[in-house]
Each structure stands twice: as structure tokens, then as C-alpha cells.
N, C-alpha and C. Protein backbone atom coordinates (compact mmCIF):
# COMPACT_ATOMS: atom_id res chain seq x y z
N UNK A 1 7.52 44.15 25.46
CA UNK A 1 6.65 43.12 24.71
C UNK A 1 7.73 42.04 23.22
N UNK A 2 8.88 42.61 23.30
CA UNK A 2 9.37 42.06 22.35
C UNK A 2 9.66 40.32 23.05
N UNK A 3 9.60 40.23 24.35
CA UNK A 3 10.17 38.83 24.57
C UNK A 3 8.50 38.04 24.71
N UNK A 4 7.57 38.93 24.73
CA UNK A 4 6.07 38.35 24.79
C UNK A 4 5.53 38.44 23.64
N UNK A 5 6.67 38.88 22.17
CA UNK A 5 6.42 38.14 21.06
C UNK A 5 7.17 36.79 20.51
N UNK A 6 8.48 37.12 21.37
CA UNK A 6 9.25 35.81 20.80
C UNK A 6 8.51 34.50 22.14
N UNK A 7 8.60 34.69 22.81
CA UNK A 7 7.09 33.64 23.68
C UNK A 7 6.68 33.25 22.46
N UNK A 8 5.21 33.81 22.07
CA UNK A 8 4.69 33.52 21.01
C UNK A 8 5.17 32.99 20.31
N UNK A 9 6.09 33.16 19.30
CA UNK A 9 6.59 32.75 18.32
C UNK A 9 7.61 30.95 18.70
N UNK A 10 7.87 31.20 19.71
CA UNK A 10 8.09 29.90 20.13
C UNK A 10 7.42 29.29 20.38
N UNK A 11 6.58 29.43 21.42
CA UNK A 11 5.12 28.60 21.55
C UNK A 11 4.45 27.67 20.43
N UNK A 12 4.49 29.18 19.21
CA UNK A 12 3.58 28.23 17.69
C UNK A 12 4.81 26.90 17.77
N UNK A 13 5.76 27.25 17.11
CA UNK A 13 6.78 26.68 16.85
C UNK A 13 6.47 25.41 17.83
N UNK A 14 6.81 25.51 18.79
CA UNK A 14 6.84 24.05 19.57
C UNK A 14 5.68 23.38 19.41
N UNK A 15 4.39 23.84 19.04
CA UNK A 15 3.41 22.92 18.98
C UNK A 15 3.28 22.91 17.10
N UNK A 16 3.45 23.63 16.84
CA UNK A 16 3.84 22.95 15.39
C UNK A 16 4.17 21.39 15.34
N UNK A 17 6.04 21.52 15.83
CA UNK A 17 6.48 20.51 15.86
C UNK A 17 6.36 19.67 16.66
N UNK A 18 5.37 19.49 17.19
CA UNK A 18 4.43 18.46 18.11
C UNK A 18 3.73 17.75 17.10
N UNK A 19 2.78 18.87 16.09
CA UNK A 19 1.72 18.35 16.05
C UNK A 19 2.41 17.02 14.58
N UNK A 20 3.90 17.80 14.03
CA UNK A 20 4.28 16.98 13.00
C UNK A 20 5.48 15.55 14.18
N UNK A 21 5.46 15.36 14.92
CA UNK A 21 5.99 14.43 15.69
C UNK A 21 5.13 13.62 15.39
N UNK A 22 3.80 13.79 16.50
CA UNK A 22 2.87 13.11 16.76
C UNK A 22 1.96 12.40 15.16
N UNK A 23 1.43 13.07 14.99
CA UNK A 23 0.47 13.26 13.24
C UNK A 23 1.43 13.22 12.36
N UNK A 24 2.50 13.33 12.00
CA UNK A 24 3.40 12.89 10.75
C UNK A 24 4.00 11.63 10.32
N UNK A 25 4.33 11.07 11.95
CA UNK A 25 5.01 9.75 12.02
C UNK A 25 4.10 8.48 11.58
N UNK A 26 2.14 9.04 11.34
CA UNK A 26 1.37 8.61 10.58
C UNK A 26 1.29 7.60 9.51
N UNK A 27 0.62 6.11 8.93
CA UNK A 27 0.77 6.74 7.88
C UNK A 27 -0.84 6.34 7.59
N UNK A 28 -0.99 6.81 6.04
CA UNK A 28 -2.16 7.27 6.03
C UNK A 28 -2.91 5.82 5.55
N UNK A 29 -4.42 5.67 5.99
CA UNK A 29 -4.80 4.36 6.06
C UNK A 29 -6.15 4.22 4.11
N UNK A 30 -5.61 3.39 3.53
CA UNK A 30 -6.69 3.22 2.80
C UNK A 30 -8.12 2.96 3.03
N UNK A 31 -9.31 3.26 2.01
CA UNK A 31 -10.56 2.85 2.30
C UNK A 31 -10.78 1.26 3.01
N UNK A 32 -10.01 0.37 2.81
CA UNK A 32 -9.76 -1.05 3.64
C UNK A 32 -8.96 -1.51 4.50
N UNK A 33 -8.32 -0.44 5.07
CA UNK A 33 -7.36 0.21 6.29
C UNK A 33 -6.05 -0.39 6.10
N UNK A 34 -5.62 0.00 4.28
CA UNK A 34 -4.00 -1.00 4.22
C UNK A 34 -3.04 1.06 3.92
N UNK A 35 -2.08 0.04 3.69
CA UNK A 35 -1.30 1.89 3.69
C UNK A 35 -1.45 2.54 3.02
N UNK A 36 -1.08 3.97 2.36
CA UNK A 36 -1.08 4.10 1.23
C UNK A 36 -0.04 4.81 0.91
N UNK A 37 0.19 4.53 -0.70
CA UNK A 37 1.28 5.20 -1.00
C UNK A 37 1.15 5.91 -2.57
N UNK A 38 1.45 7.08 -3.06
CA UNK A 38 1.06 8.19 -4.26
C UNK A 38 1.97 7.42 -5.35
N UNK A 39 1.05 6.92 -6.34
CA UNK A 39 1.99 6.13 -7.67
C UNK A 39 1.71 7.28 -8.75
N UNK A 40 2.67 6.75 -9.25
CA UNK A 40 2.54 7.47 -11.33
C UNK A 40 2.57 9.08 -11.09
N UNK A 41 1.63 9.35 -11.38
CA UNK A 41 1.79 11.19 -11.69
C UNK A 41 1.15 11.54 -10.09
N UNK A 42 0.78 11.64 -8.72
CA UNK A 42 0.43 11.64 -7.76
C UNK A 42 -1.02 11.76 -7.61
N UNK A 43 -1.51 11.23 -8.82
CA UNK A 43 -3.03 11.33 -8.75
C UNK A 43 -3.73 10.13 -8.44
N UNK A 44 -2.42 9.03 -8.58
CA UNK A 44 -2.99 7.88 -8.59
C UNK A 44 -2.84 7.41 -6.79
N UNK A 45 -3.00 6.90 -5.54
CA UNK A 45 -2.66 6.15 -4.73
C UNK A 45 -3.26 4.90 -5.08
N UNK A 46 -1.89 4.04 -4.50
CA UNK A 46 -1.98 2.68 -4.03
C UNK A 46 -2.09 1.73 -3.15
N UNK A 47 -3.17 1.26 -2.74
CA UNK A 47 -2.86 0.89 -1.24
C UNK A 47 -2.98 -0.43 -1.20
N UNK A 48 -1.66 -1.20 -0.25
CA UNK A 48 -1.09 -2.20 0.15
C UNK A 48 -1.91 -2.92 0.88
N UNK A 49 -2.39 -4.02 1.21
CA UNK A 49 -3.10 -4.95 2.16
C UNK A 49 -1.96 -6.42 1.71
N UNK A 50 -1.99 -6.73 2.85
CA UNK A 50 -1.15 -8.11 3.35
C UNK A 50 -1.57 -9.19 4.44
N UNK A 51 -1.50 -10.48 3.84
CA UNK A 51 -2.00 -11.54 4.56
C UNK A 51 -0.82 -12.11 5.61
N UNK A 52 -0.59 -11.65 6.79
CA UNK A 52 0.48 -12.47 7.30
C UNK A 52 1.15 -13.72 7.45
N UNK A 53 -0.01 -14.25 7.35
CA UNK A 53 -0.32 -16.02 7.64
C UNK A 53 0.07 -16.80 6.00
N UNK A 54 -0.17 -15.85 5.44
CA UNK A 54 -0.29 -16.80 3.67
C UNK A 54 1.04 -16.04 3.02
N UNK A 55 1.67 -15.06 2.92
CA UNK A 55 2.26 -14.19 2.07
C UNK A 55 1.68 -13.50 1.03
N UNK A 56 0.33 -13.79 1.13
CA UNK A 56 -0.61 -12.95 -0.04
C UNK A 56 -0.75 -11.40 -0.30
N UNK A 57 -0.19 -10.93 -0.96
CA UNK A 57 -0.35 -9.13 -1.44
C UNK A 57 -1.26 -8.72 -2.53
N UNK A 58 -1.58 -7.23 -1.81
CA UNK A 58 -3.09 -7.10 -2.97
C UNK A 58 -2.79 -5.26 -3.13
N UNK A 59 -2.99 -5.31 -4.08
CA UNK A 59 -3.02 -3.70 -3.96
C UNK A 59 -4.12 -3.70 -4.28
N UNK A 60 -5.31 -2.01 -3.79
CA UNK A 60 -6.27 -1.47 -4.78
C UNK A 60 -5.48 -0.43 -5.26
N UNK A 61 -5.90 0.54 -6.36
CA UNK A 61 -5.49 1.67 -6.90
C UNK A 61 -6.85 2.36 -6.50
N UNK A 62 -6.18 3.83 -6.33
CA UNK A 62 -7.85 4.70 -5.90
C UNK A 62 -7.34 6.25 -6.49
N UNK A 63 -8.38 6.97 -6.42
CA UNK A 63 -7.92 8.19 -6.47
C UNK A 63 -7.28 9.25 -5.52
N UNK A 64 -6.85 10.56 -6.08
CA UNK A 64 -6.52 10.92 -4.96
C UNK A 64 -6.92 11.71 -3.65
N UNK A 65 -8.42 11.12 -3.73
CA UNK A 65 -9.72 11.58 -2.40
C UNK A 65 -9.66 10.32 -1.95
N UNK A 66 -9.27 9.13 -2.13
CA UNK A 66 -9.02 7.53 -2.10
C UNK A 66 -11.22 7.66 -1.38
N UNK A 67 -11.70 7.93 -2.71
CA UNK A 67 -13.08 7.98 -2.62
C UNK A 67 -13.59 6.55 -3.63
N UNK A 68 -12.43 6.74 -4.78
CA UNK A 68 -13.04 5.55 -5.99
C UNK A 68 -11.99 5.77 -6.39
N UNK A 69 -11.99 3.80 -7.50
CA UNK A 69 -11.19 3.10 -7.44
C UNK A 69 -10.88 3.89 -9.01
N UNK A 70 -9.13 4.06 -9.24
CA UNK A 70 -8.83 4.99 -10.21
C UNK A 70 -7.90 3.58 -10.89
N UNK A 71 -8.73 2.76 -11.89
CA UNK A 71 -7.76 1.73 -12.52
C UNK A 71 -6.13 2.40 -13.52
N UNK A 72 -5.68 1.86 -13.30
CA UNK A 72 -4.36 1.93 -14.06
C UNK A 72 -4.06 1.03 -14.92
N UNK A 73 -2.94 1.07 -15.83
CA UNK A 73 -2.31 0.58 -17.01
C UNK A 73 -2.40 -0.96 -16.29
N UNK A 74 -2.84 -1.40 -17.31
CA UNK A 74 -2.98 -3.52 -16.69
C UNK A 74 -1.56 -3.98 -16.77
N UNK A 75 -0.38 -3.11 -15.93
CA UNK A 75 1.24 -4.03 -15.81
C UNK A 75 1.36 -4.33 -14.71
N UNK A 76 1.85 -5.19 -14.52
CA UNK A 76 1.97 -6.02 -13.07
C UNK A 76 2.59 -4.93 -12.32
N UNK A 77 2.55 -4.40 -11.00
CA UNK A 77 2.83 -3.78 -9.90
C UNK A 77 3.62 -4.64 -8.97
N UNK A 78 4.75 -3.93 -8.76
CA UNK A 78 6.02 -4.76 -8.12
C UNK A 78 6.04 -4.31 -6.59
N UNK A 79 6.24 -5.16 -5.69
CA UNK A 79 6.28 -4.59 -3.99
C UNK A 79 7.54 -4.94 -3.97
N UNK A 80 7.93 -4.80 -3.33
CA UNK A 80 9.07 -5.31 -2.26
C UNK A 80 9.99 -4.95 -1.22
N UNK A 81 10.75 -5.67 -0.79
CA UNK A 81 11.65 -4.50 0.79
C UNK A 81 12.82 -4.98 0.46
N UNK A 82 14.20 -4.43 0.47
CA UNK A 82 15.29 -4.56 0.69
C UNK A 82 15.14 -4.80 -0.76
N UNK A 83 15.54 -5.93 -1.15
CA UNK A 83 16.46 -6.58 -2.43
C UNK A 83 15.03 -8.15 -2.93
N UNK A 84 14.40 -7.90 -1.83
CA UNK A 84 13.15 -9.20 -1.78
C UNK A 84 12.17 -8.14 -2.84
N UNK A 85 11.48 -9.10 -3.67
CA UNK A 85 10.13 -8.19 -4.07
C UNK A 85 9.30 -9.57 -5.11
N UNK A 86 8.58 -8.96 -4.84
CA UNK A 86 7.37 -9.87 -6.01
C UNK A 86 6.49 -9.16 -7.08
N UNK A 87 5.84 -9.82 -7.66
CA UNK A 87 4.98 -8.72 -8.85
C UNK A 87 3.62 -8.86 -9.11
N UNK A 88 2.99 -8.26 -8.85
CA UNK A 88 1.59 -8.31 -8.45
C UNK A 88 0.91 -7.93 -9.28
N UNK A 89 0.35 -9.61 -10.25
CA UNK A 89 -1.20 -9.50 -11.19
C UNK A 89 -2.02 -8.49 -11.26
N UNK A 90 -2.08 -7.92 -12.61
CA UNK A 90 -3.41 -7.20 -12.60
C UNK A 90 -4.68 -8.43 -12.26
N UNK A 91 -6.05 -7.98 -11.92
CA UNK A 91 -7.51 -8.66 -11.31
C UNK A 91 -7.88 -7.39 -11.86
N UNK A 92 -8.58 -7.38 -12.64
CA UNK A 92 -9.74 -6.20 -12.35
C UNK A 92 -11.14 -6.50 -12.05
N UNK A 93 -11.24 -5.25 -11.70
CA UNK A 93 -12.69 -5.40 -10.88
C UNK A 93 -13.50 -4.94 -11.97
N UNK A 94 -14.99 -5.30 -11.45
CA UNK A 94 -15.85 -4.99 -12.61
C UNK A 94 -16.04 -3.44 -12.75
N UNK A 95 -16.25 -3.03 -13.75
CA UNK A 95 -16.22 -1.67 -14.32
C UNK A 95 -14.68 -1.13 -14.19
N UNK A 96 -13.78 -1.80 -14.02
CA UNK A 96 -12.37 -1.17 -15.03
C UNK A 96 -12.47 -1.59 -16.55
N UNK A 97 -11.86 -0.15 -17.70
CA UNK A 97 -12.22 -0.39 -18.46
C UNK A 97 -10.87 -1.32 -19.31
N UNK A 98 -11.51 -1.61 -20.32
CA UNK A 98 -10.61 -2.99 -21.10
C UNK A 98 -9.05 -2.20 -20.64
N UNK A 99 -8.22 -3.02 -20.79
CA UNK A 99 -6.46 -3.00 -20.44
C UNK A 99 -5.88 -2.18 -19.39
N UNK A 100 -6.94 -1.89 -18.50
CA UNK A 100 -7.26 -0.95 -17.22
C UNK A 100 -7.06 -2.00 -15.63
N UNK A 101 -6.80 -1.55 -14.92
CA UNK A 101 -6.75 -2.56 -13.58
C UNK A 101 -6.66 -1.56 -12.43
N UNK A 102 -7.69 -1.92 -11.27
CA UNK A 102 -7.65 -1.67 -10.17
C UNK A 102 -7.64 -1.92 -8.84
N UNK A 103 -6.83 -3.55 -8.92
CA UNK A 103 -6.74 -4.15 -8.14
C UNK A 103 -5.61 -5.51 -8.58
N UNK A 104 -4.20 -5.27 -7.77
CA UNK A 104 -3.45 -6.36 -8.40
C UNK A 104 -3.48 -7.25 -7.32
N UNK A 105 -2.61 -8.92 -7.46
CA UNK A 105 -2.86 -9.68 -6.81
C UNK A 105 -1.43 -10.51 -6.64
N UNK A 106 -1.01 -10.89 -5.39
CA UNK A 106 0.49 -11.64 -5.76
C UNK A 106 0.25 -12.44 -4.66
N UNK A 107 1.57 -13.41 -4.66
CA UNK A 107 2.20 -13.92 -3.29
C UNK A 107 3.62 -13.93 -3.35
N UNK A 108 4.13 -13.51 -2.21
CA UNK A 108 5.48 -13.71 -1.77
C UNK A 108 5.50 -14.46 -0.28
N UNK A 109 6.61 -15.92 -0.43
CA UNK A 109 6.49 -16.11 0.90
C UNK A 109 7.57 -15.48 2.24
N UNK A 110 8.76 -14.40 1.74
CA UNK A 110 9.13 -13.52 2.64
C UNK A 110 8.30 -12.29 3.14
N UNK A 111 6.69 -12.18 2.59
CA UNK A 111 6.04 -11.60 3.69
C UNK A 111 5.45 -12.26 4.66
N UNK A 112 5.80 -13.35 4.37
CA UNK A 112 4.76 -14.29 5.73
C UNK A 112 5.58 -13.80 7.45
N UNK A 113 4.29 -14.13 7.95
CA UNK A 113 4.91 -13.58 9.47
C UNK A 113 4.81 -11.81 10.03
N UNK A 114 4.64 -11.22 8.58
CA UNK A 114 4.34 -9.58 9.03
C UNK A 114 5.19 -9.12 9.48
N UNK A 115 6.68 -9.81 9.41
CA UNK A 115 7.39 -8.78 10.43
C UNK A 115 7.90 -7.71 9.25
N UNK A 116 7.90 -7.42 8.08
CA UNK A 116 8.51 -6.24 6.99
C UNK A 116 7.63 -4.89 7.46
N UNK A 117 8.73 -3.76 7.87
CA UNK A 117 8.85 -2.90 8.27
C UNK A 117 8.68 -1.57 7.02
N UNK A 118 9.86 -1.35 6.33
CA UNK A 118 9.90 -0.70 5.52
C UNK A 118 9.32 -1.22 3.88
N UNK A 119 9.38 -0.86 2.63
CA UNK A 119 9.18 -1.86 1.54
C UNK A 119 9.03 -0.56 0.65
N UNK A 120 8.62 -0.86 -0.97
CA UNK A 120 8.50 -0.07 -2.05
C UNK A 120 7.81 -0.80 -2.49
N UNK A 121 7.17 0.59 -3.61
CA UNK A 121 6.27 -0.82 -4.72
C UNK A 121 6.65 0.34 -6.00
N UNK A 122 6.21 -0.16 -6.97
CA UNK A 122 6.31 0.39 -8.52
C UNK A 122 5.79 0.13 -9.37
N UNK A 123 5.65 1.21 -10.35
CA UNK A 123 4.44 0.24 -11.43
C UNK A 123 5.02 1.10 -12.77
N UNK A 124 5.02 0.22 -13.72
CA UNK A 124 5.45 0.63 -14.89
C UNK A 124 6.94 1.06 -15.07
N UNK A 125 7.03 1.87 -16.22
CA UNK A 125 7.99 2.39 -17.06
C UNK A 125 8.97 2.47 -16.69
N UNK A 126 9.83 3.36 -16.18
CA UNK A 126 11.44 3.01 -15.17
C UNK A 126 11.50 1.89 -13.87
N UNK A 127 12.16 1.35 -13.85
CA UNK A 127 12.17 0.14 -13.51
C UNK A 127 13.25 0.58 -11.58
N UNK A 128 14.60 1.45 -11.91
CA UNK A 128 14.85 1.95 -10.77
C UNK A 128 14.14 3.16 -10.05
N UNK A 129 12.60 3.19 -10.46
CA UNK A 129 12.12 4.61 -9.56
C UNK A 129 11.02 3.56 -8.92
N UNK A 130 11.49 3.81 -7.17
CA UNK A 130 10.44 2.79 -6.33
C UNK A 130 10.03 3.55 -5.52
N UNK A 131 8.62 3.72 -5.24
CA UNK A 131 7.88 4.51 -4.14
C UNK A 131 8.23 4.14 -2.94
N UNK A 132 9.35 4.46 -2.06
CA UNK A 132 9.11 4.02 -0.75
C UNK A 132 8.65 4.07 0.78
N UNK A 133 7.90 3.22 1.23
CA UNK A 133 7.33 3.18 2.48
C UNK A 133 7.23 2.64 3.82
N UNK A 134 6.35 3.04 4.59
CA UNK A 134 6.50 2.28 6.17
C UNK A 134 5.95 1.10 5.76
N UNK A 135 5.48 -0.21 6.06
CA UNK A 135 4.89 -1.17 6.41
C UNK A 135 3.54 -0.79 7.57
N UNK A 136 3.12 -0.31 7.97
CA UNK A 136 2.33 -0.33 8.89
C UNK A 136 1.09 -0.80 9.11
N UNK A 137 -0.13 -0.43 8.23
CA UNK A 137 -1.43 -0.70 8.20
C UNK A 137 -1.59 -1.89 7.38
N UNK A 138 -0.62 -2.31 6.62
CA UNK A 138 -1.60 -3.92 5.56
C UNK A 138 -1.60 -4.40 5.79
N UNK A 139 -0.59 -4.77 7.36
CA UNK A 139 -1.08 -6.03 7.89
C UNK A 139 -2.47 -6.06 8.82
N UNK A 140 -2.93 -5.26 9.33
CA UNK A 140 -4.58 -5.28 9.92
C UNK A 140 -5.48 -5.00 8.48
N UNK A 141 -5.20 -4.51 7.92
CA UNK A 141 -6.04 -4.12 6.68
C UNK A 141 -6.20 -5.45 6.05
N UNK A 142 -4.93 -6.47 5.80
CA UNK A 142 -5.23 -7.88 5.41
C UNK A 142 -5.83 -8.85 5.95
N UNK A 143 -5.67 -8.69 7.25
CA UNK A 143 -6.38 -9.24 8.20
C UNK A 143 -8.05 -9.25 8.57
N UNK A 144 -8.69 -7.75 8.31
CA UNK A 144 -9.63 -7.34 8.78
C UNK A 144 -10.91 -7.44 7.41
N UNK A 145 -9.99 -8.05 6.38
CA UNK A 145 -10.85 -7.92 5.18
C UNK A 145 -10.42 -9.52 4.12
N UNK A 146 -11.08 -10.49 5.47
CA UNK A 146 -10.20 -11.89 4.80
C UNK A 146 -11.45 -12.06 3.46
N UNK A 147 -12.79 -11.70 3.58
CA UNK A 147 -13.71 -12.12 2.07
C UNK A 147 -12.21 -11.95 0.90
N UNK A 148 -11.83 -10.79 0.63
CA UNK A 148 -10.85 -10.02 -0.78
C UNK A 148 -10.55 -11.21 -1.01
N UNK A 149 -9.45 -12.24 -0.08
CA UNK A 149 -8.52 -12.46 -0.31
C UNK A 149 -9.17 -13.98 -1.72
N UNK A 150 -10.47 -14.59 -0.85
CA UNK A 150 -11.24 -15.79 -1.38
C UNK A 150 -11.43 -15.38 -2.94
N UNK A 151 -11.21 -14.61 -3.21
CA UNK A 151 -11.76 -13.83 -4.59
C UNK A 151 -10.93 -14.26 -5.89
N UNK A 152 -9.48 -14.24 -5.40
CA UNK A 152 -8.38 -14.50 -5.70
C UNK A 152 -8.14 -15.87 -6.55
N UNK A 153 -8.24 -15.70 -7.76
CA UNK A 153 -7.70 -17.86 -8.16
C UNK A 153 -6.31 -17.63 -7.74
N UNK A 154 -6.29 -19.48 -7.28
CA UNK A 154 -5.55 -20.08 -7.11
C UNK A 154 -4.89 -19.68 -5.12
N UNK A 155 -5.55 -18.57 -4.47
CA UNK A 155 -6.02 -18.67 -3.33
C UNK A 155 -6.41 -20.14 -2.39
N UNK A 156 -7.17 -20.65 -2.78
CA UNK A 156 -7.88 -21.36 -2.03
C UNK A 156 -7.56 -22.47 -0.86
N UNK A 157 -7.28 -22.41 0.13
CA UNK A 157 -6.30 -24.02 -0.26
C UNK A 157 -5.50 -23.96 0.29
N UNK A 158 -4.44 -22.46 0.52
CA UNK A 158 -2.83 -22.00 0.70
C UNK A 158 -2.76 -22.10 2.06
N UNK A 159 -1.88 -23.02 1.82
CA UNK A 159 -1.15 -23.63 3.61
C UNK A 159 0.25 -23.52 3.12
N UNK A 160 0.21 -22.79 2.31
CA UNK A 160 1.94 -22.55 2.08
C UNK A 160 2.20 -23.51 0.75
N UNK A 161 1.43 -24.52 0.16
CA UNK A 161 1.55 -25.20 -1.08
C UNK A 161 0.70 -24.86 -2.54
N UNK A 162 0.04 -23.80 -1.86
CA UNK A 162 -0.91 -23.17 -3.39
C UNK A 162 0.15 -22.20 -4.10
N UNK A 163 -0.15 -22.32 -4.79
CA UNK A 163 0.30 -20.84 -6.21
C UNK A 163 -0.39 -20.26 -6.77
N UNK A 164 -0.42 -19.15 -6.86
CA UNK A 164 -1.04 -17.68 -7.80
C UNK A 164 -0.28 -16.97 -8.50
N UNK A 165 -1.26 -16.32 -9.01
CA UNK A 165 -0.63 -15.19 -10.01
C UNK A 165 0.74 -14.45 -8.92
N UNK A 166 1.74 -13.89 -9.71
CA UNK A 166 2.72 -12.91 -9.53
C UNK A 166 3.84 -14.00 -8.30
N UNK A 167 3.27 -15.00 -7.95
CA UNK A 167 4.27 -15.72 -7.08
C UNK A 167 5.58 -16.05 -8.08
């Protein structure tokens, strides 16, 4: 009976370990298909989208269920990888209250090519605190939502020569 019980416990342990190895390494995708990272209070999530061709970066902020936009203080969001970084300027969505924003946009030449794999994001207050995450889905999310890039000022006709807020 003890061997049977031990076998069951070991089997459950292996199943749980396999689950976390297989599913635990997958990053959560946001409503637009980008990478999702918790921000500030843990009730707000940032979804990062990136255009590998141009280096344009966009963040949308969501509630914890990723169902509704969650505007945050309209201060730039810093996004980076290693010692490279850029500030994404607030670009409020219709319905965002004054002084708050649920969309941020900027440009970073270092993001061109879509090769960044690890990065960090920061909003407000303590400049030393960066939330680190893996850039896994932001490239495909940015590619599949091309219309949203065209809404950004300074984006039209970017062939490496245009400039936009946050550059």
C-alpha cells in the first residue's frame, strides 16, 4: 500500500512538473496578441506590441482580466532591453479621462529586426524598479494589427527617417 501511495504521489508530481514546464514558459498574450506584463499595483497590465520593420513600440493598458482598457497616469512608459531604452509617450484613447491614458507610443531603432528576446518596462515613480519580461508575442501582435500603427502621429511614411514622440 505504501508503494502504491508513493507511486501516486510521484506520478502527480511528474504531471504537475510537466504542466509547468510546458505551459509555465508561455507568456500570456493580450487582446491584441502582444506580451502582457503586470504594472504598478498588479491590477493593471501592460500589453506591448512592436513593429520589427520600423522599431515602433506601443503599449495598451488593461484591467486584470484583460477585458477593458485601464487608463493609468498619463506619464511616459519606458521600455527597454539591457541598457537600451525609449520612452513611449501617452496617446489617450477616446474615453480615457483627463490626465490618464491607456495607450502609449514611441520609436526605438534598437527594436528594429525583431530580435529582442528579454526586456523590461517601467511606469512612473521609482526609476530603479523595472518589470522584466520575455519579448515573445509582441512581434507577431504588432504585425497582425497594422492599422493601429497608422493612427500614430509621425508614423506615416516611416522608412527609417520619420520621427515620432518617444524617439
